[in-house]
Amino acid sequence: MVHDTTRRRDKNSHTGLHRANLPPPPRRTVPRHTPALRRSPTAPDAGKQRAMSASNVAVIGAGITGAVCASLLAARGVAVTLFDSGRGPGGRMAQRREKMEDGTELRFDHGAPYFTVSNDEVARVVSGWEARGIVAEWKAMFACFDRATGKFTDFEKVPVHGFSFNNSDFLSWAFCDSSKPGRACVPSNRQSWVLHSTAEYASKVINDIGPRKPSADALAKVAEELFKEFQSTGLNIPQPIFMKAHRWSVSQPCLTGSLSLTMIK
């Protein structure tokens, strides 16, 4: 998984203590011989730390939010257990693995292609992940393809490593997974791409198929339709050596479908 560690702060955001202009409270006279109660300035923090260290916390969802939450709690001495309905952690940052007939393993980021960081505390957690080699910054070129005009916009130079689609009935975006750090294909003349359908297209397919598990023929039809739309960009796209559609209802906040494919360049 990759990330953009650019830190941004909302210009309307603010921190600090706001005080109203209220009159001061009346002074209270303390008898001379009354012992004063003194507290160590660290006592509340120490008690809070002891209480937290004795806690057991369950985090529901092992996606990026759950992972950050668990990391922050663990750093404060809290015992944390993450629960997820998937076969492994990651949520929308999870990776899908496929094997070809020759035994070659293919990997696709079939949920979110990347994540960004705008919170300072989260940025510190992600920096720790980066230092451990868990994540890496993806310095890529992105653009937008307008299906109506058949032209790319919002880019200065090629190659582009990902782009969104405007005015497409089929595709929402496409990203080249093999352009990410440490994700180059072997042999090097191959590329791997992930295509995500629009929510409208996915809803139509799911309504046609129903709640049952889609058949291999139905998924093959989806793959062909999404790939045909990908070819409409006019890019030099050869026939893929691997192509598979995957229906994942929680891959986006709204209902979408996705297609993972590897191409020979």
Protein backbone atom coordinates (compact mmCIF):
# COMPACT_ATOMS: atom_id res chain seq x y z
CA MET A 1 0.00 0.00 0.00
CA VAL A 2 1.21 3.48 -0.73
CA HIS A 3 0.51 6.88 0.66
CA ASP A 4 0.92 10.59 0.16
CA THR A 5 2.39 12.08 3.31
CA THR A 6 1.59 15.68 2.32
CA ARG A 7 0.24 17.34 5.42
CA ARG A 8 -2.59 19.76 4.96
CA ARG A 9 -4.51 21.79 7.51
CA ASP A 10 -7.96 23.19 6.88
CA LYS A 11 -7.75 26.95 6.96
CA ASN A 12 -10.91 26.99 9.07
CA SER A 13 -9.57 24.51 11.60
CA HIS A 14 -8.35 25.75 14.94
CA THR A 15 -7.09 24.53 18.25
CA GLY A 16 -6.81 26.11 21.67
CA LEU A 17 -8.95 27.07 24.64
CA HIS A 18 -11.71 29.60 24.15
CA ARG A 19 -12.61 31.66 27.23
CA ALA A 20 -15.68 33.82 27.65
CA ASN A 21 -15.35 37.25 29.23
CA LEU A 22 -16.93 36.28 32.54
CA PRO A 23 -16.39 38.03 35.89
CA PRO A 24 -13.82 36.36 38.13
CA PRO A 25 -15.19 34.02 40.83
CA PRO A 26 -15.38 35.41 44.40
CA ARG A 27 -12.26 34.93 46.47
CA ARG A 28 -12.51 32.20 49.08
CA THR A 29 -10.77 32.73 52.44
CA VAL A 30 -8.96 29.66 53.75
CA PRO A 31 -8.25 29.44 57.52
CA ARG A 32 -4.56 29.78 58.29
CA HIS A 33 -4.25 26.35 59.88
CA THR A 34 -6.20 24.45 57.22
CA PRO A 35 -3.77 22.17 55.38
CA ALA A 36 -3.65 22.83 51.66
CA LEU A 37 -4.05 19.96 49.21
CA ARG A 38 -1.15 19.77 46.80
CA ARG A 39 -1.21 17.64 43.69
CA SER A 40 1.63 16.63 41.48
CA PRO A 41 1.09 18.10 38.02
CA THR A 42 1.72 14.66 36.58
CA ALA A 43 -0.71 12.83 38.88
CA PRO A 44 -3.74 13.00 36.56
CA ASP A 45 -1.66 11.83 33.60
CA ALA A 46 -0.14 9.01 35.63
CA GLY A 47 -3.56 7.83 36.80
CA LYS A 48 -4.92 8.03 33.31
CA GLN A 49 -1.95 6.06 32.01
CA ARG A 50 -2.50 3.35 34.66
CA ALA A 51 -6.18 3.14 33.77
CA MET A 52 -5.42 2.86 30.07
CA SER A 53 -2.70 0.26 30.58
CA ALA A 54 -5.22 -1.93 32.40
CA SER A 55 -7.76 -1.65 29.57
CA ASN A 56 -8.52 -4.17 26.86
CA VAL A 57 -9.92 -2.56 23.73
CA ALA A 58 -11.58 -4.20 20.72
CA VAL A 59 -11.29 -2.30 17.43
CA ILE A 60 -13.91 -3.34 14.87
CA GLY A 61 -12.49 -3.11 11.37
CA ALA A 62 -8.84 -3.67 10.47
CA GLY A 63 -8.71 -1.13 7.66
CA ILE A 64 -6.57 1.99 7.62
CA THR A 65 -8.70 3.72 10.28
CA GLY A 66 -8.69 0.71 12.58
CA ALA A 67 -4.95 0.23 12.11
CA VAL A 68 -4.20 3.84 13.05
CA CYS A 69 -6.55 3.67 16.04
CA ALA A 70 -4.94 0.43 17.27
CA SER A 71 -1.43 1.84 16.79
CA LEU A 72 -2.19 4.95 18.83
CA LEU A 73 -3.79 2.91 21.61
CA ALA A 74 -0.94 0.38 21.69
CA ALA A 75 1.57 3.24 21.95
CA ARG A 76 -0.20 4.25 25.16
CA GLY A 77 0.05 0.80 26.68
CA VAL A 78 -3.46 -0.38 25.84
CA ALA A 79 -4.00 -4.03 24.90
CA VAL A 80 -5.77 -3.97 21.53
CA THR A 81 -7.45 -6.69 19.47
CA LEU A 82 -8.61 -5.94 15.92
CA PHE A 83 -11.61 -7.72 14.41
CA ASP A 84 -12.43 -7.80 10.71
CA SER A 85 -14.87 -9.73 8.54
CA GLY A 86 -12.23 -10.21 5.84
CA ARG A 87 -9.72 -13.02 5.60
CA GLY A 88 -6.92 -10.64 6.53
CA PRO A 89 -6.28 -7.06 7.68
CA GLY A 90 -6.26 -4.04 5.42
CA GLY A 91 -9.87 -3.28 4.58
CA ARG A 92 -9.92 -1.18 1.42
CA MET A 93 -6.11 -1.11 1.60
CA ALA A 94 -5.99 -4.91 1.30
CA GLN A 95 -4.23 -6.64 -1.57
CA ARG A 96 -5.65 -9.33 -3.84
CA ARG A 97 -3.36 -12.15 -4.96
CA GLU A 98 -3.86 -14.24 -8.08
CA LYS A 99 -1.72 -17.01 -9.56
CA MET A 100 -1.23 -17.61 -13.25
CA GLU A 101 -0.90 -21.07 -14.80
CA ASP A 102 2.90 -20.80 -14.78
CA GLY A 103 2.88 -20.14 -11.03
CA THR A 104 3.56 -16.39 -11.29
CA GLU A 105 1.88 -14.52 -8.44
CA LEU A 106 0.08 -11.30 -9.32
CA ARG A 107 -0.87 -8.67 -6.76
CA PHE A 108 -3.51 -5.98 -7.11
CA ASP A 109 -4.62 -3.14 -4.84
CA HIS A 110 -8.27 -3.70 -5.75
CA GLY A 111 -9.77 -1.37 -3.13
CA ALA A 112 -8.26 2.06 -2.59
CA PRO A 113 -5.21 2.67 -4.81
CA TYR A 114 -3.57 4.89 -2.18
CA PHE A 115 -4.32 6.95 0.92
CA THR A 116 -3.43 10.49 1.93
CA VAL A 117 -2.56 11.95 5.33
CA SER A 118 -3.75 15.33 6.60
CA ASN A 119 -3.69 14.83 10.38
CA ASP A 120 -0.43 15.39 12.27
CA GLU A 121 -0.97 12.54 14.73
CA VAL A 122 -1.84 10.11 11.94
CA ALA A 123 1.17 11.37 9.99
CA ARG A 124 3.43 10.36 12.88
CA VAL A 125 1.97 6.85 12.84
CA VAL A 126 2.39 6.59 9.07
CA SER A 127 5.96 7.88 9.34
CA GLY A 128 6.67 4.96 11.67
CA TRP A 129 5.19 2.57 9.12
CA GLU A 130 7.32 4.16 6.42
CA ALA A 131 10.48 3.75 8.50
CA ARG A 132 9.66 0.05 8.91
CA GLY A 133 9.08 -0.41 5.19
CA ILE A 134 5.35 -1.09 5.52
CA VAL A 135 4.29 1.81 3.29
CA ALA A 136 6.04 4.00 0.74
CA GLU A 137 5.26 7.28 -0.97
CA TRP A 138 3.93 6.89 -4.51
CA LYS A 139 5.30 9.70 -6.67
CA ALA A 140 3.18 9.25 -9.77
CA MET A 141 1.64 11.30 -12.58
CA PHE A 142 -2.16 11.41 -12.69
CA ALA A 143 -4.59 12.72 -15.27
CA CYS A 144 -8.24 12.68 -16.29
CA PHE A 145 -9.77 11.12 -19.42
CA ASP A 146 -12.94 12.65 -20.85
CA ARG A 147 -14.95 9.95 -22.60
CA ALA A 148 -17.08 12.54 -24.42
CA THR A 149 -14.12 14.28 -26.08
CA GLY A 150 -11.80 11.28 -26.14
CA LYS A 151 -8.97 13.39 -24.73
CA PHE A 152 -6.80 13.42 -21.61
CA THR A 153 -6.83 16.54 -19.43
CA ASP A 154 -5.04 17.84 -16.35
CA PHE A 155 -1.63 16.38 -17.12
CA GLU A 156 1.65 17.87 -18.28
CA LYS A 157 3.67 14.90 -19.43
CA VAL A 158 3.48 11.18 -20.02
CA PRO A 159 3.51 8.50 -18.94
CA VAL A 160 0.59 8.84 -16.58
CA HIS A 161 0.27 6.21 -13.86
CA GLY A 162 -3.41 6.68 -13.18
CA PHE A 163 -6.40 8.67 -14.30
CA SER A 164 -10.06 9.19 -13.56
CA PHE A 165 -12.82 9.00 -16.16
CA ASN A 166 -15.35 11.69 -16.94
CA ASN A 167 -18.58 10.98 -18.86
CA SER A 168 -18.02 7.22 -18.87
CA ASP A 169 -20.88 4.79 -18.33
CA PHE A 170 -18.46 2.04 -17.32
CA LEU A 171 -15.24 3.23 -15.66
CA SER A 172 -14.58 5.51 -12.72
CA TRP A 173 -10.77 5.34 -12.62
CA ALA A 174 -7.70 3.30 -13.62
CA PHE A 175 -4.34 2.99 -11.85
CA CYS A 176 -1.11 1.27 -12.82
CA ASP A 177 -0.19 -0.84 -9.79
CA SER A 178 3.18 -1.82 -11.23
CA SER A 179 4.30 1.84 -11.09
CA LYS A 180 4.19 1.81 -7.29
CA PRO A 181 7.38 1.46 -5.20
CA GLY A 182 8.55 -2.14 -5.05
CA ARG A 183 5.72 -3.36 -7.26
CA ALA A 184 7.39 -3.70 -10.66
CA CYS A 185 6.29 -6.71 -12.68
CA VAL A 186 8.57 -9.57 -13.67
CA PRO A 187 9.48 -9.58 -16.51
CA SER A 188 9.82 -5.81 -16.65
CA ASN A 189 7.91 -5.44 -19.93
CA ARG A 190 4.63 -6.21 -18.13
CA GLN A 191 2.29 -3.79 -16.43
CA SER A 192 -0.53 -4.43 -13.98
CA TRP A 193 -3.58 -2.18 -13.93
CA VAL A 194 -6.66 -2.00 -11.72
CA LEU A 195 -9.88 -0.57 -13.18
CA HIS A 196 -12.88 0.44 -11.08
CA SER A 197 -16.33 0.69 -12.56
CA THR A 198 -18.80 3.47 -11.88
CA ALA A 199 -21.33 2.92 -9.12
CA GLU A 200 -24.16 3.04 -11.65
CA TYR A 201 -22.65 0.27 -13.78
CA ALA A 202 -21.99 -1.92 -10.74
CA SER A 203 -25.54 -1.40 -9.46
CA LYS A 204 -26.96 -2.44 -12.82
CA VAL A 205 -24.83 -5.60 -12.92
CA ILE A 206 -25.76 -6.56 -9.36
CA ASN A 207 -29.45 -5.90 -10.00
CA ASP A 208 -29.29 -8.13 -13.08
CA ILE A 209 -27.47 -10.94 -11.27
CA GLY A 210 -29.23 -10.66 -7.94
CA PRO A 211 -27.82 -11.43 -4.49
CA ARG A 212 -26.41 -14.79 -5.53
CA LYS A 213 -22.72 -15.28 -6.27
CA PRO A 214 -21.99 -14.19 -9.87
CA SER A 215 -21.14 -16.92 -12.34
CA ALA A 216 -17.82 -17.11 -14.17
CA ASP A 217 -19.59 -16.12 -17.40
CA ALA A 218 -21.15 -13.05 -15.77
CA LEU A 219 -17.79 -11.91 -14.40
CA ALA A 220 -16.11 -12.54 -17.76
CA LYS A 221 -18.70 -10.29 -19.44
CA VAL A 222 -18.01 -7.55 -16.89
CA ALA A 223 -14.26 -7.88 -17.48
CA GLU A 224 -14.68 -7.57 -21.25
CA GLU A 225 -16.91 -4.50 -20.98
CA LEU A 226 -14.57 -2.69 -18.61
CA PHE A 227 -11.52 -3.59 -20.66
CA LYS A 228 -13.21 -2.38 -23.87
CA GLU A 229 -13.88 0.95 -22.18
CA PHE A 230 -10.24 1.09 -21.09
CA GLN A 231 -9.18 0.62 -24.72
CA SER A 232 -11.26 3.64 -25.72
CA THR A 233 -8.59 5.88 -24.18
CA GLY A 234 -6.46 5.35 -27.28
CA LEU A 235 -3.48 4.20 -25.23
CA ASN A 236 -1.29 1.46 -26.63
CA ILE A 237 -3.00 -1.37 -24.76
CA PRO A 238 -2.20 -4.94 -25.82
CA GLN A 239 -4.41 -7.89 -25.00
CA PRO A 240 -3.99 -8.87 -21.34
CA ILE A 241 -2.44 -12.16 -20.30
CA PHE A 242 -4.60 -12.14 -17.16
CA MET A 243 -7.94 -10.46 -16.59
CA LYS A 244 -10.47 -11.04 -13.84
CA ALA A 245 -13.49 -9.16 -12.55
CA HIS A 246 -14.17 -8.95 -8.84
CA ARG A 247 -17.39 -7.82 -7.23
CA TRP A 248 -16.72 -6.06 -3.95
CA SER A 249 -19.65 -4.11 -2.55
CA VAL A 250 -17.55 -2.29 0.06
CA SER A 251 -14.64 -1.28 -2.18
CA GLN A 252 -15.94 2.30 -2.16
CA PRO A 253 -18.32 4.31 0.06
CA CYS A 254 -20.95 3.70 -2.62
CA LEU A 255 -21.54 0.48 -4.55
CA THR A 256 -18.90 -0.21 -7.22
CA GLY A 257 -17.40 -3.06 -9.13
CA SER A 258 -13.76 -3.53 -10.05
CA LEU A 259 -11.55 -5.27 -12.54
CA SER A 260 -7.96 -6.36 -12.04
CA LEU A 261 -5.80 -7.14 -15.02
CA THR A 262 -2.18 -7.56 -16.05
CA MET A 263 -1.01 -6.57 -19.51
CA ILE A 264 2.07 -7.18 -21.64
CA LYS A 265 3.41 -3.80 -22.60
